[in-house]
């Protein structure tokens, strides 16, 4: 018969290993309004493309059932809703900065 300590230790190890098998969605960092004032229109467009790429990765991770490259992104969330919300907020903030600066719509 297993001792109580062995049973508790085994349970904890199983729980920790089970948490490692979840999905990890990339999460966009918050866009500070001051960031856009120091950037050119081209730099803002590059930032917007990067934010849209993160949004695309979130969808890819969700449809693949796991991270496509087998590694967790540097910043991640286990909740897709958090990752979606962060990506949409960053995209909206960058688009707002582009509009405020009066950048042309085409590159």
PDB file of N, CA and C in Angstrom:
ATOM      1  N   UNK A   1       0.837  -1.179   0.000  1.00  0.00           N
ATOM      2  CA  UNK A   1       0.000   0.000   0.000  1.00  0.00           C
ATOM      3  C   UNK A   1       0.883   1.243   0.000  1.00  0.00           C
ATOM      4  N   UNK A   2       0.499   2.251  -0.769  1.00  0.00           N
ATOM      5  CA  UNK A   2       1.260   3.493  -0.851  1.00  0.00           C
ATOM      6  C   UNK A   2       1.061   4.336   0.400  1.00  0.00           C
ATOM      7  N   UNK A   3       2.142   4.962   0.802  1.00  0.00           N
ATOM      8  CA  UNK A   3       2.022   5.863   1.949  1.00  0.00           C
ATOM      9  C   UNK A   3       1.327   7.147   1.505  1.00  0.00           C
ATOM     10  N   UNK A   4       0.846   7.874   2.466  1.00  0.00           N
ATOM     11  CA  UNK A   4       0.125   9.112   2.171  1.00  0.00           C
ATOM     12  C   UNK A   4       1.035  10.124   1.473  1.00  0.00           C
ATOM     13  N   UNK A   5       2.300  10.205   1.889  1.00  0.00           N
ATOM     14  CA  UNK A   5       3.261  11.142   1.276  1.00  0.00           C
ATOM     15  C   UNK A   5       3.516  10.770  -0.185  1.00  0.00           C
ATOM     16  N   UNK A   6       3.660   9.505  -0.470  1.00  0.00           N
ATOM     17  CA  UNK A   6       3.904   9.051  -1.837  1.00  0.00           C
ATOM     18  C   UNK A   6       2.709   9.357  -2.727  1.00  0.00           C
ATOM     19  N   UNK A   7       1.538   9.150  -2.216  1.00  0.00           N
ATOM     20  CA  UNK A   7       0.324   9.417  -2.975  1.00  0.00           C
ATOM     21  C   UNK A   7       0.179  10.908  -3.286  1.00  0.00           C
ATOM     22  N   UNK A   8       0.442  11.746  -2.304  1.00  0.00           N
ATOM     23  CA  UNK A   8       0.361  13.200  -2.506  1.00  0.00           C
ATOM     24  C   UNK A   8       1.423  13.655  -3.503  1.00  0.00           C
ATOM     25  N   UNK A   9       2.639  13.155  -3.368  1.00  0.00           N
ATOM     26  CA  UNK A   9       3.718  13.530  -4.286  1.00  0.00           C
ATOM     27  C   UNK A   9       3.396  13.107  -5.715  1.00  0.00           C
ATOM     28  N   UNK A  10       2.883  11.913  -5.883  1.00  0.00           N
ATOM     29  CA  UNK A  10       2.521  11.407  -7.208  1.00  0.00           C
ATOM     30  C   UNK A  10       1.405  12.250  -7.819  1.00  0.00           C
ATOM     31  N   UNK A  11       0.437  12.613  -7.023  1.00  0.00           N
ATOM     32  CA  UNK A  11      -0.669  13.449  -7.507  1.00  0.00           C
ATOM     33  C   UNK A  11      -0.165  14.811  -7.960  1.00  0.00           C
ATOM     34  N   UNK A  12       0.701  15.425  -7.172  1.00  0.00           N
ATOM     35  CA  UNK A  12       1.247  16.738  -7.531  1.00  0.00           C
ATOM     36  C   UNK A  12       2.061  16.675  -8.819  1.00  0.00           C
ATOM     37  N   UNK A  13       2.856  15.645  -8.964  1.00  0.00           N
ATOM     38  CA  UNK A  13       3.653  15.498 -10.189  1.00  0.00           C
ATOM     39  C   UNK A  13       2.744  15.334 -11.400  1.00  0.00           C
ATOM     40  N   UNK A  14       1.703  14.538 -11.279  1.00  0.00           N
ATOM     41  CA  UNK A  14       0.762  14.355 -12.389  1.00  0.00           C
ATOM     42  C   UNK A  14       0.067  15.657 -12.754  1.00  0.00           C
ATOM     43  N   UNK A  15      -0.305  16.442 -11.763  1.00  0.00           N
ATOM     44  CA  UNK A  15      -0.954  17.725 -12.037  1.00  0.00           C
ATOM     45  C   UNK A  15      -0.011  18.688 -12.737  1.00  0.00           C
ATOM     46  N   UNK A  16       1.242  18.725 -12.304  1.00  0.00           N
ATOM     47  CA  UNK A  16       2.213  19.621 -12.933  1.00  0.00           C
ATOM     48  C   UNK A  16       2.484  19.212 -14.376  1.00  0.00           C
ATOM     49  N   UNK A  17       2.619  17.921 -14.611  1.00  0.00           N
ATOM     50  CA  UNK A  17       2.868  17.448 -15.976  1.00  0.00           C
ATOM     51  C   UNK A  17       1.651  17.662 -16.866  1.00  0.00           C
ATOM     52  N   UNK A  18       0.480  17.547 -16.326  1.00  0.00           N
ATOM     53  CA  UNK A  18      -0.737  17.778 -17.096  1.00  0.00           C
ATOM     54  C   UNK A  18      -0.867  19.220 -17.537  1.00  0.00           C
ATOM     55  N   UNK A  19      -0.396  20.139 -16.733  1.00  0.00           N
ATOM     56  CA  UNK A  19      -0.463  21.557 -17.088  1.00  0.00           C
ATOM     57  C   UNK A  19       0.466  21.879 -18.248  1.00  0.00           C
ATOM     58  N   UNK A  20       1.506  21.117 -18.429  1.00  0.00           N
ATOM     59  CA  UNK A  20       2.457  21.378 -19.513  1.00  0.00           C
ATOM     60  C   UNK A  20       1.884  21.014 -20.881  1.00  0.00           C
ATOM     61  N   UNK A  21       0.826  20.242 -20.921  1.00  0.00           N
ATOM     62  CA  UNK A  21       0.280  19.787 -22.187  1.00  0.00           C
ATOM     63  C   UNK A  21      -0.758  20.716 -22.788  1.00  0.00           C
ATOM     64  N   UNK A  22      -1.053  21.822 -22.155  1.00  0.00           N
ATOM     65  CA  UNK A  22      -2.082  22.728 -22.660  1.00  0.00           C
ATOM     66  C   UNK A  22      -1.609  23.561 -23.826  1.00  0.00           C
ATOM     67  N   UNK A  23      -2.539  24.278 -24.413  1.00  0.00           N
ATOM     68  CA  UNK A  23      -2.202  25.186 -25.506  1.00  0.00           C
ATOM     69  C   UNK A  23      -1.693  26.489 -24.921  1.00  0.00           C
ATOM     70  N   UNK A  24      -0.755  27.081 -25.599  1.00  0.00           N
ATOM     71  CA  UNK A  24      -0.226  28.383 -25.213  1.00  0.00           C
ATOM     72  C   UNK A  24      -0.362  29.303 -26.413  1.00  0.00           C
ATOM     73  N   UNK A  25      -1.149  30.325 -26.265  1.00  0.00           N
ATOM     74  CA  UNK A  25      -1.399  31.269 -27.348  1.00  0.00           C
ATOM     75  C   UNK A  25      -0.477  32.468 -27.199  1.00  0.00           C
ATOM     76  N   UNK A  26       0.088  32.954 -28.312  1.00  0.00           N
ATOM     77  CA  UNK A  26       0.920  34.150 -28.205  1.00  0.00           C
ATOM     78  C   UNK A  26       0.054  35.321 -27.761  1.00  0.00           C
ATOM     79  N   UNK A  27       0.614  36.203 -26.988  1.00  0.00           N
ATOM     80  CA  UNK A  27      -0.153  37.347 -26.515  1.00  0.00           C
ATOM     81  C   UNK A  27       0.610  38.619 -26.855  1.00  0.00           C
ATOM     82  N   UNK A  28      -0.107  39.576 -27.397  1.00  0.00           N
ATOM     83  CA  UNK A  28       0.497  40.844 -27.789  1.00  0.00           C
ATOM     84  C   UNK A  28       0.654  41.732 -26.568  1.00  0.00           C
ATOM     85  N   UNK A  29       1.728  42.487 -26.545  1.00  0.00           N
ATOM     86  CA  UNK A  29       1.935  43.422 -25.446  1.00  0.00           C
ATOM     87  C   UNK A  29       1.074  44.662 -25.652  1.00  0.00           C
ATOM     88  N   UNK A  30       0.848  45.376 -24.577  1.00  0.00           N
ATOM     89  CA  UNK A  30       0.035  46.586 -24.625  1.00  0.00           C
ATOM     90  C   UNK A  30       0.778  47.679 -25.391  1.00  0.00           C
ATOM     91  N   UNK A  31       0.045  48.405 -26.207  1.00  0.00           N
ATOM     92  CA  UNK A  31       0.611  49.499 -26.992  1.00  0.00           C
ATOM     93  C   UNK A  31       0.419  50.801 -26.224  1.00  0.00           C
ATOM     94  N   UNK A  32       1.519  51.459 -25.910  1.00  0.00           N
ATOM     95  CA  UNK A  32       1.457  52.751 -25.231  1.00  0.00           C
ATOM     96  C   UNK A  32       1.324  53.849 -26.282  1.00  0.00           C
ATOM     97  N   UNK A  33       0.436  54.810 -26.071  1.00  0.00           N
ATOM     98  CA  UNK A  33       0.258  55.888 -27.058  1.00  0.00           C
ATOM     99  C   UNK A  33       1.555  56.612 -27.409  1.00  0.00           C
ATOM    100  N   UNK A  34       2.469  56.732 -26.461  1.00  0.00           N
ATOM    101  CA  UNK A  34       3.734  57.430 -26.721  1.00  0.00           C
ATOM    102  C   UNK A  34       4.591  56.696 -27.751  1.00  0.00           C
ATOM    103  N   UNK A  35       4.396  55.400 -27.884  1.00  0.00           N
ATOM    104  CA  UNK A  35       5.179  54.642 -28.857  1.00  0.00           C
ATOM    105  C   UNK A  35       4.939  55.146 -30.277  1.00  0.00           C
ATOM    106  N   UNK A  36       3.711  55.451 -30.596  1.00  0.00           N
ATOM    107  CA  UNK A  36       3.371  55.866 -31.950  1.00  0.00           C
ATOM    108  C   UNK A  36       3.882  57.234 -32.320  1.00  0.00           C
ATOM    109  N   UNK A  37       4.074  58.105 -31.349  1.00  0.00           N
ATOM    110  CA  UNK A  37       4.514  59.470 -31.656  1.00  0.00           C
ATOM    111  C   UNK A  37       5.959  59.514 -32.128  1.00  0.00           C
ATOM    112  N   UNK A  38       6.765  58.563 -31.731  1.00  0.00           N
ATOM    113  CA  UNK A  38       8.176  58.555 -32.110  1.00  0.00           C
ATOM    114  C   UNK A  38       8.446  57.729 -33.363  1.00  0.00           C
ATOM    115  N   UNK A  39       7.398  57.160 -33.959  1.00  0.00           N
ATOM    116  CA  UNK A  39       7.590  56.277 -35.108  1.00  0.00           C
ATOM    117  C   UNK A  39       7.148  56.936 -36.402  1.00  0.00           C
ATOM    118  N   UNK A  40       7.801  56.522 -37.473  1.00  0.00           N
ATOM    119  CA  UNK A  40       7.391  56.971 -38.798  1.00  0.00           C
ATOM    120  C   UNK A  40       6.184  56.147 -39.234  1.00  0.00           C
ATOM    121  N   UNK A  41       5.553  56.577 -40.318  1.00  0.00           N
ATOM    122  CA  UNK A  41       4.403  55.829 -40.834  1.00  0.00           C
ATOM    123  C   UNK A  41       4.810  54.412 -41.234  1.00  0.00           C
ATOM    124  N   UNK A  42       5.982  54.281 -41.816  1.00  0.00           N
ATOM    125  CA  UNK A  42       6.453  52.952 -42.222  1.00  0.00           C
ATOM    126  C   UNK A  42       6.676  52.063 -41.001  1.00  0.00           C
ATOM    127  N   UNK A  43       7.246  52.601 -39.941  1.00  0.00           N
ATOM    128  CA  UNK A  43       7.461  51.819 -38.724  1.00  0.00           C
ATOM    129  C   UNK A  43       6.124  51.399 -38.107  1.00  0.00           C
ATOM    130  N   UNK A  44       5.144  52.272 -38.163  1.00  0.00           N
ATOM    131  CA  UNK A  44       3.819  51.929 -37.653  1.00  0.00           C
ATOM    132  C   UNK A  44       3.202  50.797 -38.461  1.00  0.00           C
ATOM    133  N   UNK A  45       3.399  50.827 -39.780  1.00  0.00           N
ATOM    134  CA  UNK A  45       2.870  49.759 -40.621  1.00  0.00           C
ATOM    135  C   UNK A  45       3.549  48.421 -40.305  1.00  0.00           C
ATOM    136  N   UNK A  46       4.849  48.468 -40.011  1.00  0.00           N
ATOM    137  CA  UNK A  46       5.574  47.244 -39.643  1.00  0.00           C
ATOM    138  C   UNK A  46       5.029  46.699 -38.325  1.00  0.00           C
ATOM    139  N   UNK A  47       4.782  47.581 -37.366  1.00  0.00           N
ATOM    140  CA  UNK A  47       4.206  47.158 -36.078  1.00  0.00           C
ATOM    141  C   UNK A  47       2.815  46.558 -36.271  1.00  0.00           C
ATOM    142  N   UNK A  48       2.034  47.165 -37.156  1.00  0.00           N
ATOM    143  CA  UNK A  48       0.691  46.655 -37.433  1.00  0.00           C
ATOM    144  C   UNK A  48       0.770  45.268 -38.062  1.00  0.00           C
ATOM    145  N   UNK A  49       1.698  45.073 -38.987  1.00  0.00           N
ATOM    146  CA  UNK A  49       1.873  43.751 -39.613  1.00  0.00           C
ATOM    147  C   UNK A  49       2.292  42.711 -38.570  1.00  0.00           C
ATOM    148  N   UNK A  50       3.153  43.094 -37.644  1.00  0.00           N
ATOM    149  CA  UNK A  50       3.590  42.169 -36.589  1.00  0.00           C
ATOM    150  C   UNK A  50       2.419  41.804 -35.675  1.00  0.00           C
ATOM    151  N   UNK A  51       1.578  42.775 -35.344  1.00  0.00           N
ATOM    152  CA  UNK A  51       0.417  42.512 -34.491  1.00  0.00           C
ATOM    153  C   UNK A  51      -0.579  41.602 -35.211  1.00  0.00           C
ATOM    154  N   UNK A  52      -0.759  41.812 -36.495  1.00  0.00           N
ATOM    155  CA  UNK A  52      -1.656  40.944 -37.262  1.00  0.00           C
ATOM    156  C   UNK A  52      -1.088  39.533 -37.383  1.00  0.00           C
ATOM    157  N   UNK A  53       0.247  39.428 -37.411  1.00  0.00           N
ATOM    158  CA  UNK A  53       0.882  38.106 -37.451  1.00  0.00           C
ATOM    159  C   UNK A  53       0.610  37.354 -36.147  1.00  0.00           C
ATOM    160  N   UNK A  54       0.670  38.043 -35.031  1.00  0.00           N
ATOM    161  CA  UNK A  54       0.350  37.412 -33.740  1.00  0.00           C
ATOM    162  C   UNK A  54      -1.097  36.939 -33.752  1.00  0.00           C
ATOM    163  N   UNK A  55      -1.997  37.768 -34.286  1.00  0.00           N
ATOM    164  CA  UNK A  55      -3.407  37.387 -34.384  1.00  0.00           C
ATOM    165  C   UNK A  55      -3.561  36.121 -35.231  1.00  0.00           C
ATOM    166  N   UNK A  56      -2.804  36.036 -36.317  1.00  0.00           N
ATOM    167  CA  UNK A  56      -2.842  34.858 -37.192  1.00  0.00           C
ATOM    168  C   UNK A  56      -2.306  33.628 -36.455  1.00  0.00           C
ATOM    169  N   UNK A  57      -1.231  33.790 -35.684  1.00  0.00           N
ATOM    170  CA  UNK A  57      -0.673  32.674 -34.925  1.00  0.00           C
ATOM    171  C   UNK A  57      -1.674  32.122 -33.922  1.00  0.00           C
ATOM    172  N   UNK A  58      -2.442  32.998 -33.299  1.00  0.00           N
ATOM    173  CA  UNK A  58      -3.444  32.553 -32.336  1.00  0.00           C
ATOM    174  C   UNK A  58      -4.427  31.602 -33.016  1.00  0.00           C
ATOM    175  N   UNK A  59      -4.876  31.981 -34.209  1.00  0.00           N
ATOM    176  CA  UNK A  59      -5.784  31.119 -34.956  1.00  0.00           C
ATOM    177  C   UNK A  59      -5.143  29.806 -35.366  1.00  0.00           C
ATOM    178  N   UNK A  60      -3.868  29.856 -35.752  1.00  0.00           N
ATOM    179  CA  UNK A  60      -3.159  28.641 -36.144  1.00  0.00           C
ATOM    180  C   UNK A  60      -2.996  27.699 -34.955  1.00  0.00           C
ATOM    181  N   UNK A  61      -2.648  28.239 -33.804  1.00  0.00           N
ATOM    182  CA  UNK A  61      -2.482  27.412 -32.609  1.00  0.00           C
ATOM    183  C   UNK A  61      -3.806  26.768 -32.238  1.00  0.00           C
ATOM    184  N   UNK A  62      -4.889  27.516 -32.369  1.00  0.00           N
ATOM    185  CA  UNK A  62      -6.209  26.990 -32.009  1.00  0.00           C
ATOM    186  C   UNK A  62      -6.618  25.858 -32.946  1.00  0.00           C
ATOM    187  N   UNK A  63      -6.358  26.012 -34.242  1.00  0.00           N
ATOM    188  CA  UNK A  63      -6.789  24.990 -35.199  1.00  0.00           C
ATOM    189  C   UNK A  63      -5.858  23.780 -35.215  1.00  0.00           C
ATOM    190  N   UNK A  64      -4.589  23.969 -34.870  1.00  0.00           N
ATOM    191  CA  UNK A  64      -3.638  22.864 -34.902  1.00  0.00           C
ATOM    192  C   UNK A  64      -3.763  21.960 -33.680  1.00  0.00           C
ATOM    193  N   UNK A  65      -4.354  22.473 -32.617  1.00  0.00           N
ATOM    194  CA  UNK A  65      -4.471  21.670 -31.413  1.00  0.00           C
ATOM    195  C   UNK A  65      -3.241  21.729 -30.537  1.00  0.00           C
ATOM    196  N   UNK A  66      -2.195  22.359 -31.029  1.00  0.00           N
ATOM    197  CA  UNK A  66      -0.967  22.552 -30.251  1.00  0.00           C
ATOM    198  C   UNK A  66      -0.155  23.636 -30.959  1.00  0.00           C
ATOM    199  N   UNK A  67       0.897  24.085 -30.321  1.00  0.00           N
ATOM    200  CA  UNK A  67       1.754  25.090 -30.945  1.00  0.00           C
ATOM    201  C   UNK A  67       2.390  24.487 -32.192  1.00  0.00           C
ATOM    202  N   UNK A  68       2.400  25.237 -33.273  1.00  0.00           N
ATOM    203  CA  UNK A  68       2.894  24.691 -34.533  1.00  0.00           C
ATOM    204  C   UNK A  68       4.391  24.434 -34.514  1.00  0.00           C
ATOM    205  N   UNK A  69       5.146  25.190 -33.757  1.00  0.00           N
ATOM    206  CA  UNK A  69       6.589  24.987 -33.727  1.00  0.00           C
ATOM    207  C   UNK A  69       7.051  24.162 -32.530  1.00  0.00           C
ATOM    208  N   UNK A  70       6.111  23.728 -31.705  1.00  0.00           N
ATOM    209  CA  UNK A  70       6.449  22.893 -30.567  1.00  0.00           C
ATOM    210  C   UNK A  70       6.992  23.649 -29.374  1.00  0.00           C
ATOM    211  N   UNK A  71       7.076  24.976 -29.471  1.00  0.00           N
ATOM    212  CA  UNK A  71       7.598  25.772 -28.367  1.00  0.00           C
ATOM    213  C   UNK A  71       6.589  26.828 -27.979  1.00  0.00           C
ATOM    214  N   UNK A  72       6.656  27.244 -26.732  1.00  0.00           N
ATOM    215  CA  UNK A  72       5.794  28.321 -26.272  1.00  0.00           C
ATOM    216  C   UNK A  72       6.362  29.651 -26.734  1.00  0.00           C
ATOM    217  N   UNK A  73       5.506  30.587 -27.100  1.00  0.00           N
ATOM    218  CA  UNK A  73       5.990  31.928 -27.404  1.00  0.00           C
ATOM    219  C   UNK A  73       6.545  32.568 -26.130  1.00  0.00           C
ATOM    220  N   UNK A  74       7.311  33.642 -26.270  1.00  0.00           N
ATOM    221  CA  UNK A  74       7.895  34.300 -25.104  1.00  0.00           C
ATOM    222  C   UNK A  74       6.815  34.840 -24.173  1.00  0.00           C
ATOM    223  N   UNK A  75       5.815  35.476 -24.720  1.00  0.00           N
ATOM    224  CA  UNK A  75       4.682  35.945 -23.934  1.00  0.00           C
ATOM    225  C   UNK A  75       3.487  35.126 -24.373  1.00  0.00           C
ATOM    226  N   UNK A  76       2.810  34.507 -23.427  1.00  0.00           N
ATOM    227  CA  UNK A  76       1.726  33.633 -23.809  1.00  0.00           C
ATOM    228  C   UNK A  76       0.610  33.647 -22.776  1.00  0.00           C
ATOM    229  N   UNK A  77      -0.502  33.119 -23.196  1.00  0.00           N
ATOM    230  CA  UNK A  77      -1.647  32.937 -22.314  1.00  0.00           C
ATOM    231  C   UNK A  77      -2.241  31.578 -22.614  1.00  0.00           C
ATOM    232  N   UNK A  78      -2.744  30.925 -21.603  1.00  0.00           N
ATOM    233  CA  UNK A  78      -3.404  29.645 -21.844  1.00  0.00           C
ATOM    234  C   UNK A  78      -4.857  29.855 -22.238  1.00  0.00           C
ATOM    235  N   UNK A  79      -5.357  31.076 -22.112  1.00  0.00           N
ATOM    236  CA  UNK A  79      -6.742  31.370 -22.479  1.00  0.00           C
ATOM    237  C   UNK A  79      -6.758  32.087 -23.821  1.00  0.00           C
ATOM    238  N   UNK A  80      -7.409  31.488 -24.793  1.00  0.00           N
ATOM    239  CA  UNK A  80      -7.455  32.093 -26.116  1.00  0.00           C
ATOM    240  C   UNK A  80      -8.144  33.457 -26.067  1.00  0.00           C
ATOM    241  N   UNK A  81      -9.164  33.589 -25.227  1.00  0.00           N
ATOM    242  CA  UNK A  81      -9.883  34.866 -25.154  1.00  0.00           C
ATOM    243  C   UNK A  81      -8.949  35.989 -24.714  1.00  0.00           C
ATOM    244  N   UNK A  82      -8.024  35.718 -23.785  1.00  0.00           N
ATOM    245  CA  UNK A  82      -7.060  36.741 -23.360  1.00  0.00           C
ATOM    246  C   UNK A  82      -6.135  37.119 -24.512  1.00  0.00           C
ATOM    247  N   UNK A  83      -5.660  36.117 -25.240  1.00  0.00           N
ATOM    248  CA  UNK A  83      -4.757  36.369 -26.357  1.00  0.00           C
ATOM    249  C   UNK A  83      -5.470  37.152 -27.462  1.00  0.00           C
ATOM    250  N   UNK A  84      -6.717  36.774 -27.783  1.00  0.00           N
ATOM    251  CA  UNK A  84      -7.489  37.503 -28.798  1.00  0.00           C
ATOM    252  C   UNK A  84      -7.711  38.953 -28.385  1.00  0.00           C
ATOM    253  N   UNK A  85      -8.092  39.150 -27.142  1.00  0.00           N
ATOM    254  CA  UNK A  85      -8.372  40.500 -26.637  1.00  0.00           C
ATOM    255  C   UNK A  85      -7.119  41.380 -26.713  1.00  0.00           C
ATOM    256  N   UNK A  86      -5.966  40.838 -26.317  1.00  0.00           N
ATOM    257  CA  UNK A  86      -4.724  41.601 -26.345  1.00  0.00           C
ATOM    258  C   UNK A  86      -4.318  41.951 -27.781  1.00  0.00           C
ATOM    259  N   UNK A  87      -4.469  40.993 -28.696  1.00  0.00           N
ATOM    260  CA  UNK A  87      -4.102  41.244 -30.098  1.00  0.00           C
ATOM    261  C   UNK A  87      -5.011  42.302 -30.720  1.00  0.00           C
ATOM    262  N   UNK A  88      -6.311  42.193 -30.478  1.00  0.00           N
ATOM    263  CA  UNK A  88      -7.245  43.186 -31.033  1.00  0.00           C
ATOM    264  C   UNK A  88      -7.008  44.575 -30.455  1.00  0.00           C
ATOM    265  N   UNK A  89      -6.691  44.646 -29.179  1.00  0.00           N
ATOM    266  CA  UNK A  89      -6.419  45.950 -28.551  1.00  0.00           C
ATOM    267  C   UNK A  89      -5.159  46.580 -29.140  1.00  0.00           C
ATOM    268  N   UNK A  90      -4.125  45.773 -29.367  1.00  0.00           N
ATOM    269  CA  UNK A  90      -2.886  46.305 -29.944  1.00  0.00           C
ATOM    270  C   UNK A  90      -3.116  46.763 -31.384  1.00  0.00           C
ATOM    271  N   UNK A  91      -3.849  45.977 -32.157  1.00  0.00           N
ATOM    272  CA  UNK A  91      -4.132  46.357 -33.547  1.00  0.00           C
ATOM    273  C   UNK A  91      -4.920  47.660 -33.583  1.00  0.00           C
ATOM    274  N   UNK A  92      -5.939  47.774 -32.749  1.00  0.00           N
ATOM    275  CA  UNK A  92      -6.753  48.996 -32.718  1.00  0.00           C
ATOM    276  C   UNK A  92      -5.918  50.205 -32.308  1.00  0.00           C
ATOM    277  N   UNK A  93      -5.024  50.034 -31.345  1.00  0.00           N
ATOM    278  CA  UNK A  93      -4.191  51.147 -30.892  1.00  0.00           C
ATOM    279  C   UNK A  93      -3.219  51.596 -31.982  1.00  0.00           C
ATOM    280  N   UNK A  94      -2.641  50.640 -32.685  1.00  0.00           N
ATOM    281  CA  UNK A  94      -1.707  50.985 -33.767  1.00  0.00           C
ATOM    282  C   UNK A  94      -2.455  51.649 -34.912  1.00  0.00           C
ATOM    283  N   UNK A  95      -3.625  51.118 -35.262  1.00  0.00           N
ATOM    284  CA  UNK A  95      -4.430  51.751 -36.314  1.00  0.00           C
ATOM    285  C   UNK A  95      -4.814  53.165 -35.908  1.00  0.00           C
ATOM    286  N   UNK A  96      -5.108  53.381 -34.640  1.00  0.00           N
ATOM    287  CA  UNK A  96      -5.413  54.726 -34.148  1.00  0.00           C
ATOM    288  C   UNK A  96      -4.222  55.652 -34.282  1.00  0.00           C
ATOM    289  N   UNK A  97      -3.026  55.151 -33.991  1.00  0.00           N
ATOM    290  CA  UNK A  97      -1.813  55.953 -34.133  1.00  0.00           C
ATOM    291  C   UNK A  97      -1.564  56.297 -35.595  1.00  0.00           C
ATOM    292  N   UNK A  98      -1.820  55.353 -36.482  1.00  0.00           N
ATOM    293  CA  UNK A  98      -1.651  55.597 -37.918  1.00  0.00           C
ATOM    294  C   UNK A  98      -2.610  56.686 -38.378  1.00  0.00           C
ATOM    295  N   UNK A  99      -3.842  56.602 -37.918  1.00  0.00           N
ATOM    296  CA  UNK A  99      -4.845  57.599 -38.289  1.00  0.00           C
ATOM    297  C   UNK A  99      -4.502  58.971 -37.695  1.00  0.00           C
ATOM    298  N   UNK A 100      -4.079  59.005 -36.450  1.00  0.00           N
ATOM    299  CA  UNK A 100      -3.720  60.270 -35.794  1.00  0.00           C
ATOM    300  C   UNK A 100      -2.556  60.942 -36.496  1.00  0.00           C
ATOM    301  N   UNK A 101      -1.585  60.161 -36.920  1.00  0.00           N
ATOM    302  CA  UNK A 101      -0.427  60.722 -37.620  1.00  0.00           C
ATOM    303  C   UNK A 101      -0.766  61.139 -39.040  1.00  0.00           C
ATOM    304  N   UNK A 102      -1.895  60.694 -39.542  1.00  0.00           N
ATOM    305  CA  UNK A 102      -2.284  61.039 -40.913  1.00  0.00           C
ATOM    306  C   UNK A 102      -1.490  60.284 -41.965  1.00  0.00           C
ATOM    307  N   UNK A 103      -1.122  59.066 -41.632  1.00  0.00           N
ATOM    308  CA  UNK A 103      -0.350  58.257 -42.581  1.00  0.00           C
ATOM    309  C   UNK A 103      -1.230  57.874 -43.751  1.00  0.00           C
ATOM    310  N   UNK A 104      -0.658  57.843 -44.963  1.00  0.00           N
ATOM    311  CA  UNK A 104      -1.441  57.406 -46.126  1.00  0.00           C
ATOM    312  C   UNK A 104      -1.870  55.947 -45.951  1.00  0.00           C
ATOM    313  N   UNK A 105      -3.006  55.594 -46.507  1.00  0.00           N
ATOM    314  CA  UNK A 105      -3.536  54.241 -46.345  1.00  0.00           C
ATOM    315  C   UNK A 105      -2.760  53.205 -47.123  1.00  0.00           C
ATOM    316  N   UNK A 106      -2.120  53.560 -48.219  1.00  0.00           N
ATOM    317  CA  UNK A 106      -1.327  52.600 -48.983  1.00  0.00           C
ATOM    318  C   UNK A 106       0.140  52.848 -48.728  1.00  0.00           C
ATOM    319  N   UNK A 107       0.916  51.763 -48.803  1.00  0.00           N
ATOM    320  CA  UNK A 107       2.360  51.862 -48.531  1.00  0.00           C
ATOM    321  C   UNK A 107       3.108  52.544 -49.641  1.00  0.00           C
TER     322      UNK A 107
END
